[in-house]
PDB file of N, CA and C in Angstrom:
ATOM      1  N   MET A   1     -15.446 -13.277 -38.092  1.00  0.00           N
ATOM      2  CA  MET A   1     -15.110 -12.914 -36.462  1.00  0.00           C
ATOM      3  C   MET A   1     -16.396 -11.927 -36.460  1.00  0.00           C
ATOM      4  N   SER A   2     -16.957 -11.976 -35.438  1.00  0.00           N
ATOM      5  CA  SER A   2     -17.785 -10.817 -34.834  1.00  0.00           C
ATOM      6  C   SER A   2     -17.731 -10.284 -33.591  1.00  0.00           C
ATOM      7  N   SER A   3     -17.811  -9.460 -33.016  1.00  0.00           N
ATOM      8  CA  SER A   3     -17.282  -8.264 -31.727  1.00  0.00           C
ATOM      9  C   SER A   3     -17.392  -9.360 -30.935  1.00  0.00           C
ATOM     10  N   LYS A   4     -18.511  -9.849 -30.787  1.00  0.00           N
ATOM     11  CA  LYS A   4     -18.522 -10.617 -29.674  1.00  0.00           C
ATOM     12  C   LYS A   4     -17.418 -12.082 -28.926  1.00  0.00           C
ATOM     13  N   GLU A   5     -16.928 -12.361 -30.195  1.00  0.00           N
ATOM     14  CA  GLU A   5     -15.685 -13.369 -30.421  1.00  0.00           C
ATOM     15  C   GLU A   5     -14.830 -12.754 -29.675  1.00  0.00           C
ATOM     16  N   ILE A   6     -14.572 -11.432 -29.726  1.00  0.00           N
ATOM     17  CA  ILE A   6     -13.367 -10.858 -29.760  1.00  0.00           C
ATOM     18  C   ILE A   6     -13.187 -10.406 -28.151  1.00  0.00           C
ATOM     19  N   PHE A   7     -14.348  -9.916 -27.662  1.00  0.00           N
ATOM     20  CA  PHE A   7     -14.293  -9.376 -26.375  1.00  0.00           C
ATOM     21  C   PHE A   7     -14.522 -10.695 -25.442  1.00  0.00           C
ATOM     22  N   GLU A   8     -15.364 -11.562 -25.642  1.00  0.00           N
ATOM     23  CA  GLU A   8     -14.885 -12.858 -24.841  1.00  0.00           C
ATOM     24  C   GLU A   8     -13.629 -13.317 -24.959  1.00  0.00           C
ATOM     25  N   GLY A   9     -12.961 -13.464 -26.126  1.00  0.00           N
ATOM     26  CA  GLY A   9     -11.636 -13.570 -26.143  1.00  0.00           C
ATOM     27  C   GLY A   9     -10.721 -12.826 -25.304  1.00  0.00           C
ATOM     28  N   LEU A  10     -11.008 -11.728 -25.394  1.00  0.00           N
ATOM     29  CA  LEU A  10     -10.254 -10.791 -24.561  1.00  0.00           C
ATOM     30  C   LEU A  10     -10.474 -10.581 -22.848  1.00  0.00           C
ATOM     31  N   GLY A  11     -11.504 -10.804 -22.647  1.00  0.00           N
ATOM     32  CA  GLY A  11     -12.388 -11.128 -21.152  1.00  0.00           C
ATOM     33  C   GLY A  11     -11.486 -12.348 -20.534  1.00  0.00           C
ATOM     34  N   ASP A  12     -11.488 -13.230 -21.460  1.00  0.00           N
ATOM     35  CA  ASP A  12     -10.920 -14.775 -21.097  1.00  0.00           C
ATOM     36  C   ASP A  12      -9.377 -14.623 -20.496  1.00  0.00           C
ATOM     37  N   ALA A  13      -8.915 -13.975 -21.982  1.00  0.00           N
ATOM     38  CA  ALA A  13      -7.411 -13.490 -21.394  1.00  0.00           C
ATOM     39  C   ALA A  13      -7.261 -12.669 -20.099  1.00  0.00           C
ATOM     40  N   ILE A  14      -7.715 -11.464 -20.004  1.00  0.00           N
ATOM     41  CA  ILE A  14      -7.594 -10.723 -18.755  1.00  0.00           C
ATOM     42  C   ILE A  14      -8.161 -11.900 -17.234  1.00  0.00           C
ATOM     43  N   LEU A  15      -8.951 -12.765 -17.411  1.00  0.00           N
ATOM     44  CA  LEU A  15      -9.737 -13.237 -16.457  1.00  0.00           C
ATOM     45  C   LEU A  15      -7.798 -14.342 -16.239  1.00  0.00           C
ATOM     46  N   TRP A  16      -7.675 -15.209 -17.169  1.00  0.00           N
ATOM     47  CA  TRP A  16      -6.694 -15.915 -16.774  1.00  0.00           C
ATOM     48  C   TRP A  16      -5.383 -15.152 -16.195  1.00  0.00           C
ATOM     49  N   THR A  17      -4.863 -14.063 -16.637  1.00  0.00           N
ATOM     50  CA  THR A  17      -3.862 -13.196 -16.384  1.00  0.00           C
ATOM     51  C   THR A  17      -4.088 -13.082 -14.788  1.00  0.00           C
ATOM     52  N   THR A  18      -5.266 -12.237 -14.339  1.00  0.00           N
ATOM     53  CA  THR A  18      -5.326 -12.204 -12.664  1.00  0.00           C
ATOM     54  C   THR A  18      -5.882 -12.886 -12.212  1.00  0.00           C
ATOM     55  N   GLN A  19      -6.191 -14.365 -12.661  1.00  0.00           N
ATOM     56  CA  GLN A  19      -5.941 -15.480 -11.872  1.00  0.00           C
ATOM     57  C   GLN A  19      -4.343 -16.377 -11.637  1.00  0.00           C
ATOM     58  N   VAL A  20      -3.588 -15.960 -12.447  1.00  0.00           N
ATOM     59  CA  VAL A  20      -2.498 -16.677 -12.456  1.00  0.00           C
ATOM     60  C   VAL A  20      -1.550 -15.462 -11.158  1.00  0.00           C
ATOM     61  N   VAL A  21      -1.891 -13.872 -11.285  1.00  0.00           N
ATOM     62  CA  VAL A  21      -1.302 -13.327 -10.852  1.00  0.00           C
ATOM     63  C   VAL A  21      -1.665 -13.116  -9.333  1.00  0.00           C
ATOM     64  N   TYR A  22      -2.840 -13.509  -8.861  1.00  0.00           N
ATOM     65  CA  TYR A  22      -3.340 -13.656  -7.520  1.00  0.00           C
ATOM     66  C   TYR A  22      -3.261 -15.082  -6.785  1.00  0.00           C
ATOM     67  N   GLU A  23      -2.993 -15.922  -7.783  1.00  0.00           N
ATOM     68  CA  GLU A  23      -2.943 -17.397  -6.920  1.00  0.00           C
ATOM     69  C   GLU A  23      -0.861 -17.208  -6.716  1.00  0.00           C
ATOM     70  N   ASN A  24      -0.108 -16.638  -7.645  1.00  0.00           N
ATOM     71  CA  ASN A  24       1.542 -16.614  -6.958  1.00  0.00           C
ATOM     72  C   ASN A  24       1.563 -15.821  -6.182  1.00  0.00           C
ATOM     73  N   VAL A  25       0.924 -14.710  -6.000  1.00  0.00           N
ATOM     74  CA  VAL A  25       0.945 -13.673  -5.018  1.00  0.00           C
ATOM     75  C   VAL A  25       0.412 -14.016  -3.831  1.00  0.00           C
ATOM     76  N   GLY A  26      -0.329 -14.666  -3.901  1.00  0.00           N
ATOM     77  CA  GLY A  26      -1.184 -14.745  -2.467  1.00  0.00           C
ATOM     78  C   GLY A  26      -1.522 -13.808  -1.149  1.00  0.00           C
ATOM     79  N   ASN A  27      -0.978 -13.958  -0.127  1.00  0.00           N
ATOM     80  CA  ASN A  27      -0.930 -12.879   1.121  1.00  0.00           C
ATOM     81  C   ASN A  27      -0.150 -12.117   0.774  1.00  0.00           C
ATOM     82  N   GLY A  28       1.096 -12.251   0.373  1.00  0.00           N
ATOM     83  CA  GLY A  28       2.339 -11.914   0.473  1.00  0.00           C
ATOM     84  C   GLY A  28       2.233 -10.184   0.328  1.00  0.00           C
ATOM     85  N   PHE A  29       1.498  -9.810  -0.746  1.00  0.00           N
ATOM     86  CA  PHE A  29       1.382  -8.714  -0.945  1.00  0.00           C
ATOM     87  C   PHE A  29       0.885  -7.682   0.020  1.00  0.00           C
ATOM     88  N   ASN A  30      -0.226  -8.277   0.833  1.00  0.00           N
ATOM     89  CA  ASN A  30      -1.093  -8.152   1.577  1.00  0.00           C
ATOM     90  C   ASN A  30      -0.280  -8.105   2.965  1.00  0.00           C
ATOM     91  N   ASN A  31       0.466  -9.036   3.205  1.00  0.00           N
ATOM     92  CA  ASN A  31       0.994  -9.001   4.403  1.00  0.00           C
ATOM     93  C   ASN A  31       2.207  -7.591   4.725  1.00  0.00           C
ATOM     94  N   ALA A  32       3.098  -7.594   3.364  1.00  0.00           N
ATOM     95  CA  ALA A  32       3.777  -6.640   3.062  1.00  0.00           C
ATOM     96  C   ALA A  32       3.478  -5.024   3.484  1.00  0.00           C
ATOM     97  N   LEU A  33       2.312  -5.109   3.022  1.00  0.00           N
ATOM     98  CA  LEU A  33       1.506  -3.620   2.919  1.00  0.00           C
ATOM     99  C   LEU A  33       1.523  -3.331   4.530  1.00  0.00           C
ATOM    100  N   ILE A  34       0.848  -4.378   5.063  1.00  0.00           N
ATOM    101  CA  ILE A  34       0.418  -4.190   6.595  1.00  0.00           C
ATOM    102  C   ILE A  34       1.860  -3.699   7.612  1.00  0.00           C
ATOM    103  N   VAL A  35       2.979  -4.505   7.224  1.00  0.00           N
ATOM    104  CA  VAL A  35       4.138  -4.303   7.562  1.00  0.00           C
ATOM    105  C   VAL A  35       4.723  -3.380   7.493  1.00  0.00           C
ATOM    106  N   LEU A  36       4.574  -2.532   6.271  1.00  0.00           N
ATOM    107  CA  LEU A  36       5.157  -1.363   5.767  1.00  0.00           C
ATOM    108  C   LEU A  36       4.507  -0.169   6.339  1.00  0.00           C
ATOM    109  N   GLY A  37       3.123  -0.257   6.818  1.00  0.00           N
ATOM    110  CA  GLY A  37       2.261   0.622   7.472  1.00  0.00           C
ATOM    111  C   GLY A  37       2.626   0.727   9.077  1.00  0.00           C
ATOM    112  N   PHE A  38       3.199  -0.476   9.389  1.00  0.00           N
ATOM    113  CA  PHE A  38       3.425  -0.271  10.702  1.00  0.00           C
ATOM    114  C   PHE A  38       4.751   0.329  11.187  1.00  0.00           C
ATOM    115  N   VAL A  39       5.863   0.023   9.941  1.00  0.00           N
ATOM    116  CA  VAL A  39       6.890   0.837  10.129  1.00  0.00           C
ATOM    117  C   VAL A  39       6.979   1.991   9.996  1.00  0.00           C
ATOM    118  N   GLY A  40       6.158   2.545   8.835  1.00  0.00           N
ATOM    119  CA  GLY A  40       5.863   3.966   8.304  1.00  0.00           C
ATOM    120  C   GLY A  40       5.030   4.649  10.088  1.00  0.00           C
ATOM    121  N   LEU A  41       4.450   4.127  10.652  1.00  0.00           N
ATOM    122  CA  LEU A  41       3.389   4.338  11.761  1.00  0.00           C
ATOM    123  C   LEU A  41       4.716   4.688  12.859  1.00  0.00           C
ATOM    124  N   PHE A  42       5.844   3.834  12.810  1.00  0.00           N
ATOM    125  CA  PHE A  42       6.722   3.858  14.312  1.00  0.00           C
ATOM    126  C   PHE A  42       7.706   5.176  13.671  1.00  0.00           C
ATOM    127  N   TYR A  43       8.002   4.721  12.780  1.00  0.00           N
ATOM    128  CA  TYR A  43       8.906   6.322  11.920  1.00  0.00           C
ATOM    129  C   TYR A  43       8.370   7.802  12.558  1.00  0.00           C
ATOM    130  N   TRP A  44       7.167   7.649  11.988  1.00  0.00           N
ATOM    131  CA  TRP A  44       6.483   8.836  12.337  1.00  0.00           C
ATOM    132  C   TRP A  44       6.148   9.278  13.499  1.00  0.00           C
ATOM    133  N   LEU A  45       6.007   8.509  14.642  1.00  0.00           N
ATOM    134  CA  LEU A  45       5.927   8.574  16.153  1.00  0.00           C
ATOM    135  C   LEU A  45       7.287   9.085  16.589  1.00  0.00           C
ATOM    136  N   ASN A  46       8.169   8.457  15.882  1.00  0.00           N
ATOM    137  CA  ASN A  46       9.282   8.798  16.607  1.00  0.00           C
ATOM    138  C   ASN A  46       9.738  10.376  16.104  1.00  0.00           C
ATOM    139  N   TYR A  47       9.493  10.475  14.878  1.00  0.00           N
ATOM    140  CA  TYR A  47       9.759  11.914  14.519  1.00  0.00           C
ATOM    141  C   TYR A  47       9.054  12.995  15.539  1.00  0.00           C
ATOM    142  N   GLN A  48       7.290  12.609  15.375  1.00  0.00           N
ATOM    143  CA  GLN A  48       6.813  13.261  16.282  1.00  0.00           C
ATOM    144  C   GLN A  48       7.082  13.245  18.003  1.00  0.00           C
ATOM    145  N   ARG A  49       7.617  12.258  18.564  1.00  0.00           N
ATOM    146  CA  ARG A  49       8.233  12.194  19.664  1.00  0.00           C
ATOM    147  C   ARG A  49       9.307  13.178  19.932  1.00  0.00           C
ATOM    148  N   LYS A  50      10.066  13.436  18.831  1.00  0.00           N
ATOM    149  CA  LYS A  50      11.244  14.289  18.735  1.00  0.00           C
ATOM    150  C   LYS A  50      10.660  15.814  18.367  1.00  0.00           C
ATOM    151  N   PHE A  51       9.833  15.891  17.540  1.00  0.00           N
ATOM    152  CA  PHE A  51       9.317  17.092  17.906  1.00  0.00           C
ATOM    153  C   PHE A  51       8.500  17.963  18.833  1.00  0.00           C
ATOM    154  N   ASN A  52       7.762  17.249  19.561  1.00  0.00           N
ATOM    155  CA  ASN A  52       7.804  17.454  20.904  1.00  0.00           C
ATOM    156  C   ASN A  52       8.327  17.794  21.899  1.00  0.00           C
ATOM    157  N   ALA A  53       9.361  16.940  22.077  1.00  0.00           N
ATOM    158  CA  ALA A  53      10.502  17.299  23.226  1.00  0.00           C
ATOM    159  C   ALA A  53      11.169  18.375  22.748  1.00  0.00           C
ATOM    160  N   GLN A  54      11.059  18.791  21.538  1.00  0.00           N
ATOM    161  CA  GLN A  54      12.167  20.084  20.951  1.00  0.00           C
ATOM    162  C   GLN A  54      11.041  21.518  21.299  1.00  0.00           C
ATOM    163  N   ALA A  55       9.676  20.974  21.275  1.00  0.00           N
ATOM    164  CA  ALA A  55       8.729  22.310  21.290  1.00  0.00           C
ATOM    165  C   ALA A  55       8.838  22.297  22.935  1.00  0.00           C
ATOM    166  N   GLU A  56       9.041  21.547  23.677  1.00  0.00           N
ATOM    167  CA  GLU A  56       8.747  21.686  25.090  1.00  0.00           C
ATOM    168  C   GLU A  56       9.870  22.599  25.429  1.00  0.00           C
ATOM    169  N   ASN A  57      11.623  22.340  24.754  1.00  0.00           N
ATOM    170  CA  ASN A  57      12.542  23.276  25.309  1.00  0.00           C
ATOM    171  C   ASN A  57      12.627  24.185  24.718  1.00  0.00           C
ATOM    172  N   ASP A  58      11.541  24.892  24.203  1.00  0.00           N
ATOM    173  CA  ASP A  58      11.865  26.166  23.299  1.00  0.00           C
ATOM    174  C   ASP A  58      10.215  27.016  23.702  1.00  0.00           C
ATOM    175  N   PRO A  59      10.729  28.037  24.667  1.00  0.00           N
ATOM    176  CA  PRO A  59       9.232  28.770  25.090  1.00  0.00           C
ATOM    177  C   PRO A  59       9.148  29.776  24.165  1.00  0.00           C
ATOM    178  N   ASN A  60       9.847  30.438  23.304  1.00  0.00           N
ATOM    179  CA  ASN A  60       9.470  31.402  22.125  1.00  0.00           C
ATOM    180  C   ASN A  60       8.687  30.782  21.158  1.00  0.00           C
ATOM    181  N   GLN A  61       8.588  29.801  20.910  1.00  0.00           N
ATOM    182  CA  GLN A  61       7.900  29.643  19.666  1.00  0.00           C
ATOM    183  C   GLN A  61       6.533  30.067  19.433  1.00  0.00           C
ATOM    184  N   LEU A  62       5.911  29.904  18.518  1.00  0.00           N
ATOM    185  CA  LEU A  62       4.401  30.269  18.210  1.00  0.00           C
ATOM    186  C   LEU A  62       3.327  29.022  18.561  1.00  0.00           C
ATOM    187  N   LYS A  63       2.474  29.156  19.161  1.00  0.00           N
ATOM    188  CA  LYS A  63       1.910  27.458  19.039  1.00  0.00           C
ATOM    189  C   LYS A  63       0.141  27.941  18.897  1.00  0.00           C
TER     190      LYS A  63
END
């Protein structure tokens, strides 16, 4: 058995594994990341709105 056969077998196994994973996941993972990104954006914007309101009410703060 040569090293070429070992590496070809390893490459075929990796290719098969990634094809199985990608076919089963589909676009669900991508959609989940997009939704999670928007949830994080609105969470951060809400906190930023609260901090801006607090800054407007406190004239003694450093800017």
